[in-house]
Amino acid sequence: MYFLLSHLAVIDVAYASSNLPNMLENLVKHKKAISFVSCTLQMYFFLIFADTECLILMVMSYDRFVAICHPLQYTTIMNWRVCTVLTIACWACGFSLSLVHLILFLRLPFCGPRSVNHFFCEILAVLNVACGDTWINK
């Protein structure tokens, strides 16, 4: 349980760190737009941590299910190896899912200037700039 909580804490710190530096830079320099490359990188890291956080929470719920429903077998079912394998699978799936989202995002055609008028790159704001069909991205 504490092993999974430590990963969730790392994800939460990284989650905030992926958006905060760029947003603070834009606030200090009084810029209201973000470049396309910066937005893409920020979106990729945001999606990695968001996807991984959801998957870690899913593993934590399974851990609690085993602890409540099978208390006598908990240590044999959720041993150190199982927790490690599940956590590595969560991180790998988080990277893979965010890469799929990023590839689908990069295939979109964009009209006009490639800047988003926000302090940080919000996915829906970027999809509003796209000219093509964004159904699969939503």
N, C-alpha and C. Protein backbone atom coordinates (compact mmCIF):
# COMPACT_ATOMS: atom_id res chain seq x y z
N MET A 1 0.82 -1.20 0.00
CA MET A 1 0.00 0.00 0.00
C MET A 1 0.86 1.26 0.00
N TYR A 2 1.87 1.29 0.86
CA TYR A 2 2.73 2.47 0.93
C TYR A 2 3.57 2.61 -0.34
N PHE A 3 3.89 1.49 -0.94
CA PHE A 3 4.61 1.52 -2.21
C PHE A 3 3.79 2.23 -3.27
N LEU A 4 2.51 1.92 -3.34
CA LEU A 4 1.63 2.55 -4.32
C LEU A 4 1.39 4.02 -3.98
N LEU A 5 1.28 4.34 -2.68
CA LEU A 5 1.12 5.73 -2.27
C LEU A 5 2.34 6.57 -2.63
N SER A 6 3.52 5.97 -2.53
CA SER A 6 4.73 6.72 -2.90
C SER A 6 4.75 7.03 -4.39
N HIS A 7 4.30 6.10 -5.20
CA HIS A 7 4.22 6.37 -6.64
C HIS A 7 3.17 7.42 -6.95
N LEU A 8 2.06 7.39 -6.23
CA LEU A 8 1.02 8.40 -6.43
C LEU A 8 1.53 9.78 -6.03
N ALA A 9 2.33 9.86 -4.97
CA ALA A 9 2.90 11.14 -4.55
C ALA A 9 3.88 11.67 -5.59
N VAL A 10 4.70 10.79 -6.15
CA VAL A 10 5.64 11.21 -7.19
C VAL A 10 4.88 11.71 -8.42
N ILE A 11 3.82 11.03 -8.77
CA ILE A 11 3.01 11.44 -9.92
C ILE A 11 2.39 12.81 -9.67
N ASP A 12 1.89 13.04 -8.45
CA ASP A 12 1.27 14.33 -8.15
C ASP A 12 2.28 15.48 -8.22
N VAL A 13 3.49 15.26 -7.74
CA VAL A 13 4.52 16.29 -7.83
C VAL A 13 4.90 16.53 -9.29
N ALA A 14 5.07 15.47 -10.05
CA ALA A 14 5.43 15.62 -11.46
C ALA A 14 4.29 16.23 -12.26
N TYR A 15 3.07 15.92 -11.89
CA TYR A 15 1.87 16.45 -12.54
C TYR A 15 1.86 17.98 -12.44
N ALA A 16 2.12 18.49 -11.25
CA ALA A 16 2.17 19.94 -11.06
C ALA A 16 3.40 20.54 -11.72
N SER A 17 4.50 19.83 -11.70
CA SER A 17 5.74 20.35 -12.28
C SER A 17 5.71 20.41 -13.79
N SER A 18 4.86 19.65 -14.42
CA SER A 18 4.81 19.67 -15.88
C SER A 18 4.14 20.94 -16.41
N ASN A 19 3.27 21.55 -15.64
CA ASN A 19 2.57 22.75 -16.08
C ASN A 19 3.11 24.03 -15.48
N LEU A 20 3.61 23.97 -14.28
CA LEU A 20 3.94 25.17 -13.53
C LEU A 20 5.06 26.02 -14.11
N PRO A 21 6.22 25.47 -14.52
CA PRO A 21 7.31 26.34 -15.00
C PRO A 21 6.93 27.17 -16.22
N ASN A 22 6.29 26.57 -17.18
CA ASN A 22 5.90 27.30 -18.39
C ASN A 22 4.84 28.35 -18.08
N MET A 23 3.92 28.01 -17.20
CA MET A 23 2.87 28.95 -16.84
C MET A 23 3.45 30.15 -16.09
N LEU A 24 4.40 29.91 -15.18
CA LEU A 24 5.04 31.01 -14.45
C LEU A 24 5.86 31.90 -15.38
N GLU A 25 6.54 31.28 -16.33
CA GLU A 25 7.31 32.07 -17.30
C GLU A 25 6.39 32.98 -18.10
N ASN A 26 5.26 32.46 -18.53
CA ASN A 26 4.31 33.27 -19.30
C ASN A 26 3.71 34.38 -18.45
N LEU A 27 3.49 34.13 -17.17
CA LEU A 27 2.94 35.17 -16.29
C LEU A 27 3.95 36.28 -16.03
N VAL A 28 5.21 35.91 -15.83
CA VAL A 28 6.25 36.90 -15.55
C VAL A 28 6.54 37.75 -16.78
N LYS A 29 6.59 37.13 -17.94
CA LYS A 29 6.89 37.87 -19.18
C LYS A 29 5.65 38.51 -19.80
N HIS A 30 4.50 38.34 -19.17
CA HIS A 30 3.23 38.89 -19.65
C HIS A 30 2.89 38.41 -21.05
N LYS A 31 3.27 37.17 -21.34
CA LYS A 31 2.89 36.55 -22.61
C LYS A 31 1.54 35.86 -22.42
N LYS A 32 0.72 35.95 -23.42
CA LYS A 32 -0.58 35.29 -23.34
C LYS A 32 -0.69 34.15 -24.34
N ALA A 33 0.40 33.82 -24.99
CA ALA A 33 0.38 32.74 -25.98
C ALA A 33 1.50 31.76 -25.65
N ILE A 34 1.33 30.55 -26.12
CA ILE A 34 2.32 29.50 -25.91
C ILE A 34 2.65 28.90 -27.28
N SER A 35 3.92 28.60 -27.51
CA SER A 35 4.32 28.08 -28.82
C SER A 35 3.81 26.65 -29.00
N PHE A 36 3.81 26.20 -30.24
CA PHE A 36 3.28 24.88 -30.57
C PHE A 36 4.15 23.77 -30.00
N VAL A 37 5.47 23.91 -30.10
CA VAL A 37 6.38 22.88 -29.60
C VAL A 37 6.28 22.78 -28.08
N SER A 38 6.27 23.93 -27.43
CA SER A 38 6.15 23.95 -25.98
C SER A 38 4.82 23.35 -25.54
N CYS A 39 3.78 23.66 -26.26
CA CYS A 39 2.45 23.12 -25.95
C CYS A 39 2.43 21.61 -26.14
N THR A 40 3.07 21.13 -27.18
CA THR A 40 3.09 19.69 -27.44
C THR A 40 3.83 18.94 -26.34
N LEU A 41 4.98 19.46 -25.93
CA LEU A 41 5.73 18.82 -24.86
C LEU A 41 4.97 18.85 -23.54
N GLN A 42 4.38 19.99 -23.26
CA GLN A 42 3.61 20.12 -22.02
C GLN A 42 2.42 19.17 -22.03
N MET A 43 1.75 19.06 -23.15
CA MET A 43 0.61 18.16 -23.26
C MET A 43 1.05 16.70 -23.10
N TYR A 44 2.19 16.35 -23.68
CA TYR A 44 2.68 14.98 -23.58
C TYR A 44 2.96 14.60 -22.13
N PHE A 45 3.68 15.47 -21.41
CA PHE A 45 3.99 15.16 -20.02
C PHE A 45 2.73 15.18 -19.15
N PHE A 46 1.83 16.10 -19.43
CA PHE A 46 0.56 16.14 -18.70
C PHE A 46 -0.22 14.85 -18.89
N LEU A 47 -0.28 14.37 -20.11
CA LEU A 47 -1.02 13.14 -20.40
C LEU A 47 -0.34 11.92 -19.79
N ILE A 48 0.99 11.89 -19.78
CA ILE A 48 1.70 10.78 -19.14
C ILE A 48 1.29 10.67 -17.69
N PHE A 49 1.38 11.79 -16.97
CA PHE A 49 1.09 11.74 -15.55
C PHE A 49 -0.39 11.55 -15.26
N ALA A 50 -1.26 12.08 -16.10
CA ALA A 50 -2.70 11.89 -15.90
C ALA A 50 -3.09 10.43 -16.13
N ASP A 51 -2.59 9.84 -17.21
CA ASP A 51 -2.91 8.44 -17.49
C ASP A 51 -2.34 7.51 -16.42
N THR A 52 -1.09 7.77 -16.03
CA THR A 52 -0.46 6.92 -15.02
C THR A 52 -1.15 7.06 -13.68
N GLU A 53 -1.59 8.27 -13.35
CA GLU A 53 -2.30 8.47 -12.08
C GLU A 53 -3.59 7.65 -12.04
N CYS A 54 -4.33 7.66 -13.12
CA CYS A 54 -5.57 6.87 -13.17
C CYS A 54 -5.29 5.38 -13.03
N LEU A 55 -4.24 4.92 -13.67
CA LEU A 55 -3.91 3.50 -13.60
C LEU A 55 -3.39 3.11 -12.22
N ILE A 56 -2.60 3.97 -11.58
CA ILE A 56 -2.13 3.70 -10.22
C ILE A 56 -3.31 3.67 -9.25
N LEU A 57 -4.26 4.57 -9.43
CA LEU A 57 -5.46 4.55 -8.58
C LEU A 57 -6.26 3.27 -8.78
N MET A 58 -6.26 2.76 -10.00
CA MET A 58 -6.94 1.49 -10.25
C MET A 58 -6.24 0.35 -9.51
N VAL A 59 -4.91 0.33 -9.54
CA VAL A 59 -4.17 -0.70 -8.83
C VAL A 59 -4.37 -0.56 -7.32
N MET A 60 -4.44 0.68 -6.83
CA MET A 60 -4.68 0.89 -5.40
C MET A 60 -6.07 0.39 -5.00
N SER A 61 -7.04 0.56 -5.86
CA SER A 61 -8.37 0.04 -5.53
C SER A 61 -8.37 -1.49 -5.52
N TYR A 62 -7.62 -2.10 -6.42
CA TYR A 62 -7.50 -3.56 -6.40
C TYR A 62 -6.80 -4.01 -5.12
N ASP A 63 -5.78 -3.27 -4.69
CA ASP A 63 -5.06 -3.58 -3.46
C ASP A 63 -6.02 -3.54 -2.27
N ARG A 64 -6.86 -2.53 -2.20
CA ARG A 64 -7.83 -2.43 -1.10
C ARG A 64 -8.89 -3.52 -1.19
N PHE A 65 -9.29 -3.87 -2.40
CA PHE A 65 -10.25 -4.97 -2.58
C PHE A 65 -9.69 -6.27 -2.02
N VAL A 66 -8.44 -6.56 -2.34
CA VAL A 66 -7.82 -7.79 -1.84
C VAL A 66 -7.68 -7.73 -0.33
N ALA A 67 -7.33 -6.56 0.22
CA ALA A 67 -7.17 -6.44 1.67
C ALA A 67 -8.49 -6.62 2.41
N ILE A 68 -9.59 -6.17 1.81
CA ILE A 68 -10.89 -6.27 2.48
C ILE A 68 -11.54 -7.64 2.26
N CYS A 69 -11.51 -8.12 1.04
CA CYS A 69 -12.23 -9.36 0.71
C CYS A 69 -11.43 -10.63 0.99
N HIS A 70 -10.11 -10.54 0.98
CA HIS A 70 -9.26 -11.71 1.23
C HIS A 70 -8.16 -11.33 2.23
N PRO A 71 -8.52 -11.00 3.47
CA PRO A 71 -7.50 -10.50 4.41
C PRO A 71 -6.45 -11.54 4.79
N LEU A 72 -6.81 -12.81 4.84
CA LEU A 72 -5.84 -13.82 5.22
C LEU A 72 -4.86 -14.15 4.11
N GLN A 73 -5.26 -13.92 2.87
CA GLN A 73 -4.39 -14.22 1.74
C GLN A 73 -3.74 -12.97 1.15
N TYR A 74 -3.91 -11.83 1.82
CA TYR A 74 -3.45 -10.55 1.27
C TYR A 74 -1.95 -10.55 1.00
N THR A 75 -1.17 -11.04 1.93
CA THR A 75 0.29 -10.99 1.76
C THR A 75 0.78 -11.91 0.65
N THR A 76 0.06 -12.97 0.37
CA THR A 76 0.48 -13.84 -0.73
C THR A 76 0.00 -13.33 -2.08
N ILE A 77 -1.17 -12.67 -2.09
CA ILE A 77 -1.69 -12.15 -3.36
C ILE A 77 -0.97 -10.87 -3.77
N MET A 78 -0.84 -9.94 -2.83
CA MET A 78 -0.23 -8.63 -3.13
C MET A 78 1.17 -8.56 -2.53
N ASN A 79 2.05 -9.40 -2.99
CA ASN A 79 3.43 -9.35 -2.49
C ASN A 79 4.21 -8.25 -3.22
N TRP A 80 5.46 -8.10 -2.86
CA TRP A 80 6.31 -7.04 -3.41
C TRP A 80 6.45 -7.17 -4.92
N ARG A 81 6.59 -8.37 -5.41
CA ARG A 81 6.77 -8.60 -6.85
C ARG A 81 5.53 -8.19 -7.63
N VAL A 82 4.36 -8.54 -7.14
CA VAL A 82 3.11 -8.19 -7.82
C VAL A 82 2.93 -6.67 -7.86
N CYS A 83 3.19 -6.01 -6.74
CA CYS A 83 3.08 -4.54 -6.70
C CYS A 83 4.05 -3.89 -7.67
N THR A 84 5.26 -4.41 -7.75
CA THR A 84 6.25 -3.85 -8.67
C THR A 84 5.84 -4.05 -10.12
N VAL A 85 5.38 -5.24 -10.45
CA VAL A 85 4.95 -5.53 -11.83
C VAL A 85 3.75 -4.66 -12.21
N LEU A 86 2.79 -4.53 -11.31
CA LEU A 86 1.61 -3.70 -11.61
C LEU A 86 1.99 -2.23 -11.77
N THR A 87 2.93 -1.76 -10.96
CA THR A 87 3.35 -0.37 -11.07
C THR A 87 4.11 -0.12 -12.37
N ILE A 88 4.99 -1.02 -12.73
CA ILE A 88 5.71 -0.88 -14.00
C ILE A 88 4.74 -0.93 -15.17
N ALA A 89 3.74 -1.79 -15.08
CA ALA A 89 2.72 -1.85 -16.14
C ALA A 89 1.93 -0.54 -16.22
N CYS A 90 1.64 0.06 -15.08
CA CYS A 90 0.93 1.35 -15.07
C CYS A 90 1.76 2.43 -15.76
N TRP A 91 3.04 2.51 -15.42
CA TRP A 91 3.89 3.52 -16.05
C TRP A 91 4.04 3.26 -17.55
N ALA A 92 4.20 2.00 -17.94
CA ALA A 92 4.34 1.68 -19.37
C ALA A 92 3.06 2.00 -20.14
N CYS A 93 1.92 1.67 -19.57
CA CYS A 93 0.65 1.99 -20.23
C CYS A 93 0.42 3.49 -20.27
N GLY A 94 0.84 4.20 -19.23
CA GLY A 94 0.71 5.66 -19.23
C GLY A 94 1.52 6.30 -20.34
N PHE A 95 2.76 5.84 -20.52
CA PHE A 95 3.59 6.35 -21.61
C PHE A 95 2.99 5.99 -22.96
N SER A 96 2.50 4.77 -23.09
CA SER A 96 1.94 4.33 -24.38
C SER A 96 0.66 5.08 -24.73
N LEU A 97 -0.24 5.23 -23.78
CA LEU A 97 -1.49 5.93 -24.05
C LEU A 97 -1.25 7.40 -24.40
N SER A 98 -0.33 8.03 -23.69
CA SER A 98 -0.05 9.44 -23.99
C SER A 98 0.64 9.58 -25.33
N LEU A 99 1.45 8.61 -25.72
CA LEU A 99 2.08 8.65 -27.03
C LEU A 99 1.04 8.51 -28.14
N VAL A 100 0.04 7.67 -27.93
CA VAL A 100 -1.04 7.53 -28.91
C VAL A 100 -1.80 8.84 -29.04
N HIS A 101 -2.12 9.46 -27.91
CA HIS A 101 -2.82 10.76 -27.95
C HIS A 101 -1.98 11.81 -28.66
N LEU A 102 -0.68 11.81 -28.39
CA LEU A 102 0.20 12.80 -29.02
C LEU A 102 0.30 12.58 -30.52
N ILE A 103 0.41 11.34 -30.95
CA ILE A 103 0.48 11.06 -32.39
C ILE A 103 -0.80 11.48 -33.09
N LEU A 104 -1.95 11.19 -32.48
CA LEU A 104 -3.22 11.63 -33.06
C LEU A 104 -3.32 13.15 -33.08
N PHE A 105 -2.77 13.79 -32.07
CA PHE A 105 -2.78 15.25 -32.02
C PHE A 105 -1.89 15.86 -33.10
N LEU A 106 -0.71 15.27 -33.32
CA LEU A 106 0.23 15.81 -34.30
C LEU A 106 -0.24 15.60 -35.74
N ARG A 107 -1.17 14.69 -35.96
CA ARG A 107 -1.69 14.47 -37.31
C ARG A 107 -2.78 15.45 -37.69
N LEU A 108 -3.23 16.28 -36.74
CA LEU A 108 -4.28 17.25 -37.03
C LEU A 108 -3.74 18.40 -37.86
N PRO A 109 -4.52 18.88 -38.83
CA PRO A 109 -4.11 20.09 -39.56
C PRO A 109 -4.51 21.34 -38.75
N PHE A 110 -3.60 22.31 -38.69
CA PHE A 110 -3.86 23.55 -37.97
C PHE A 110 -3.90 24.71 -38.94
N CYS A 111 -4.86 25.59 -38.76
CA CYS A 111 -5.02 26.76 -39.61
C CYS A 111 -4.46 27.99 -38.89
N GLY A 112 -3.89 28.87 -39.65
CA GLY A 112 -3.45 30.15 -39.10
C GLY A 112 -2.25 30.02 -38.18
N PRO A 113 -2.15 30.92 -37.21
CA PRO A 113 -0.99 30.91 -36.32
C PRO A 113 -1.00 29.69 -35.40
N ARG A 114 0.18 29.20 -35.12
CA ARG A 114 0.30 28.04 -34.25
C ARG A 114 0.56 28.49 -32.82
N SER A 115 -0.32 29.29 -32.27
CA SER A 115 -0.20 29.72 -30.88
C SER A 115 -1.57 29.64 -30.21
N VAL A 116 -1.54 29.29 -28.95
CA VAL A 116 -2.76 29.15 -28.16
C VAL A 116 -2.76 30.29 -27.15
N ASN A 117 -3.85 31.02 -27.07
CA ASN A 117 -3.92 32.17 -26.18
C ASN A 117 -4.33 31.76 -24.77
N HIS A 118 -3.47 30.98 -24.15
CA HIS A 118 -3.66 30.55 -22.77
C HIS A 118 -2.31 30.57 -22.08
N PHE A 119 -2.33 30.58 -20.75
CA PHE A 119 -1.08 30.57 -20.00
C PHE A 119 -0.43 29.19 -19.98
N PHE A 120 -1.23 28.16 -20.11
CA PHE A 120 -0.68 26.82 -20.26
C PHE A 120 -1.50 26.08 -21.30
N CYS A 121 -0.97 25.00 -21.78
CA CYS A 121 -1.56 24.31 -22.92
C CYS A 121 -2.70 23.40 -22.47
N GLU A 122 -3.91 23.86 -22.66
CA GLU A 122 -5.08 23.06 -22.36
C GLU A 122 -5.50 22.32 -23.63
N ILE A 123 -5.78 21.06 -23.51
CA ILE A 123 -6.01 20.22 -24.68
C ILE A 123 -7.21 20.70 -25.50
N LEU A 124 -8.29 21.07 -24.84
CA LEU A 124 -9.47 21.51 -25.58
C LEU A 124 -9.23 22.83 -26.30
N ALA A 125 -8.40 23.71 -25.73
CA ALA A 125 -8.09 24.97 -26.41
C ALA A 125 -7.28 24.72 -27.67
N VAL A 126 -6.40 23.74 -27.62
CA VAL A 126 -5.60 23.41 -28.81
C VAL A 126 -6.48 22.77 -29.87
N LEU A 127 -7.41 21.94 -29.46
CA LEU A 127 -8.30 21.30 -30.43
C LEU A 127 -9.21 22.31 -31.11
N ASN A 128 -9.49 23.43 -30.46
CA ASN A 128 -10.29 24.48 -31.09
C ASN A 128 -9.54 25.18 -32.21
N VAL A 129 -8.21 25.18 -32.17
CA VAL A 129 -7.39 25.81 -33.21
C VAL A 129 -7.29 24.91 -34.44
N ALA A 130 -7.51 23.61 -34.27
CA ALA A 130 -7.36 22.66 -35.38
C ALA A 130 -8.46 22.85 -36.41
N CYS A 131 -8.10 22.65 -37.67
CA CYS A 131 -9.06 22.80 -38.78
C CYS A 131 -9.80 21.51 -39.08
N GLY A 132 -9.15 20.39 -38.87
CA GLY A 132 -9.73 19.11 -39.26
C GLY A 132 -10.72 18.58 -38.23
N ASP A 133 -11.11 17.35 -38.44
CA ASP A 133 -12.05 16.68 -37.56
C ASP A 133 -11.32 16.23 -36.30
N THR A 134 -11.78 16.68 -35.15
CA THR A 134 -11.13 16.34 -33.88
C THR A 134 -11.92 15.32 -33.08
N TRP A 135 -12.81 14.60 -33.73
CA TRP A 135 -13.66 13.64 -33.03
C TRP A 135 -12.85 12.58 -32.30
N ILE A 136 -11.85 12.01 -32.95
CA ILE A 136 -11.08 10.93 -32.34
C ILE A 136 -10.21 11.44 -31.20
N ASN A 137 -9.82 12.71 -31.23
CA ASN A 137 -9.00 13.28 -30.17
C ASN A 137 -9.81 13.58 -28.91
N LYS A 138 -11.08 13.80 -29.08
CA LYS A 138 -11.91 14.11 -27.91
C LYS A 138 -12.31 12.84 -27.22
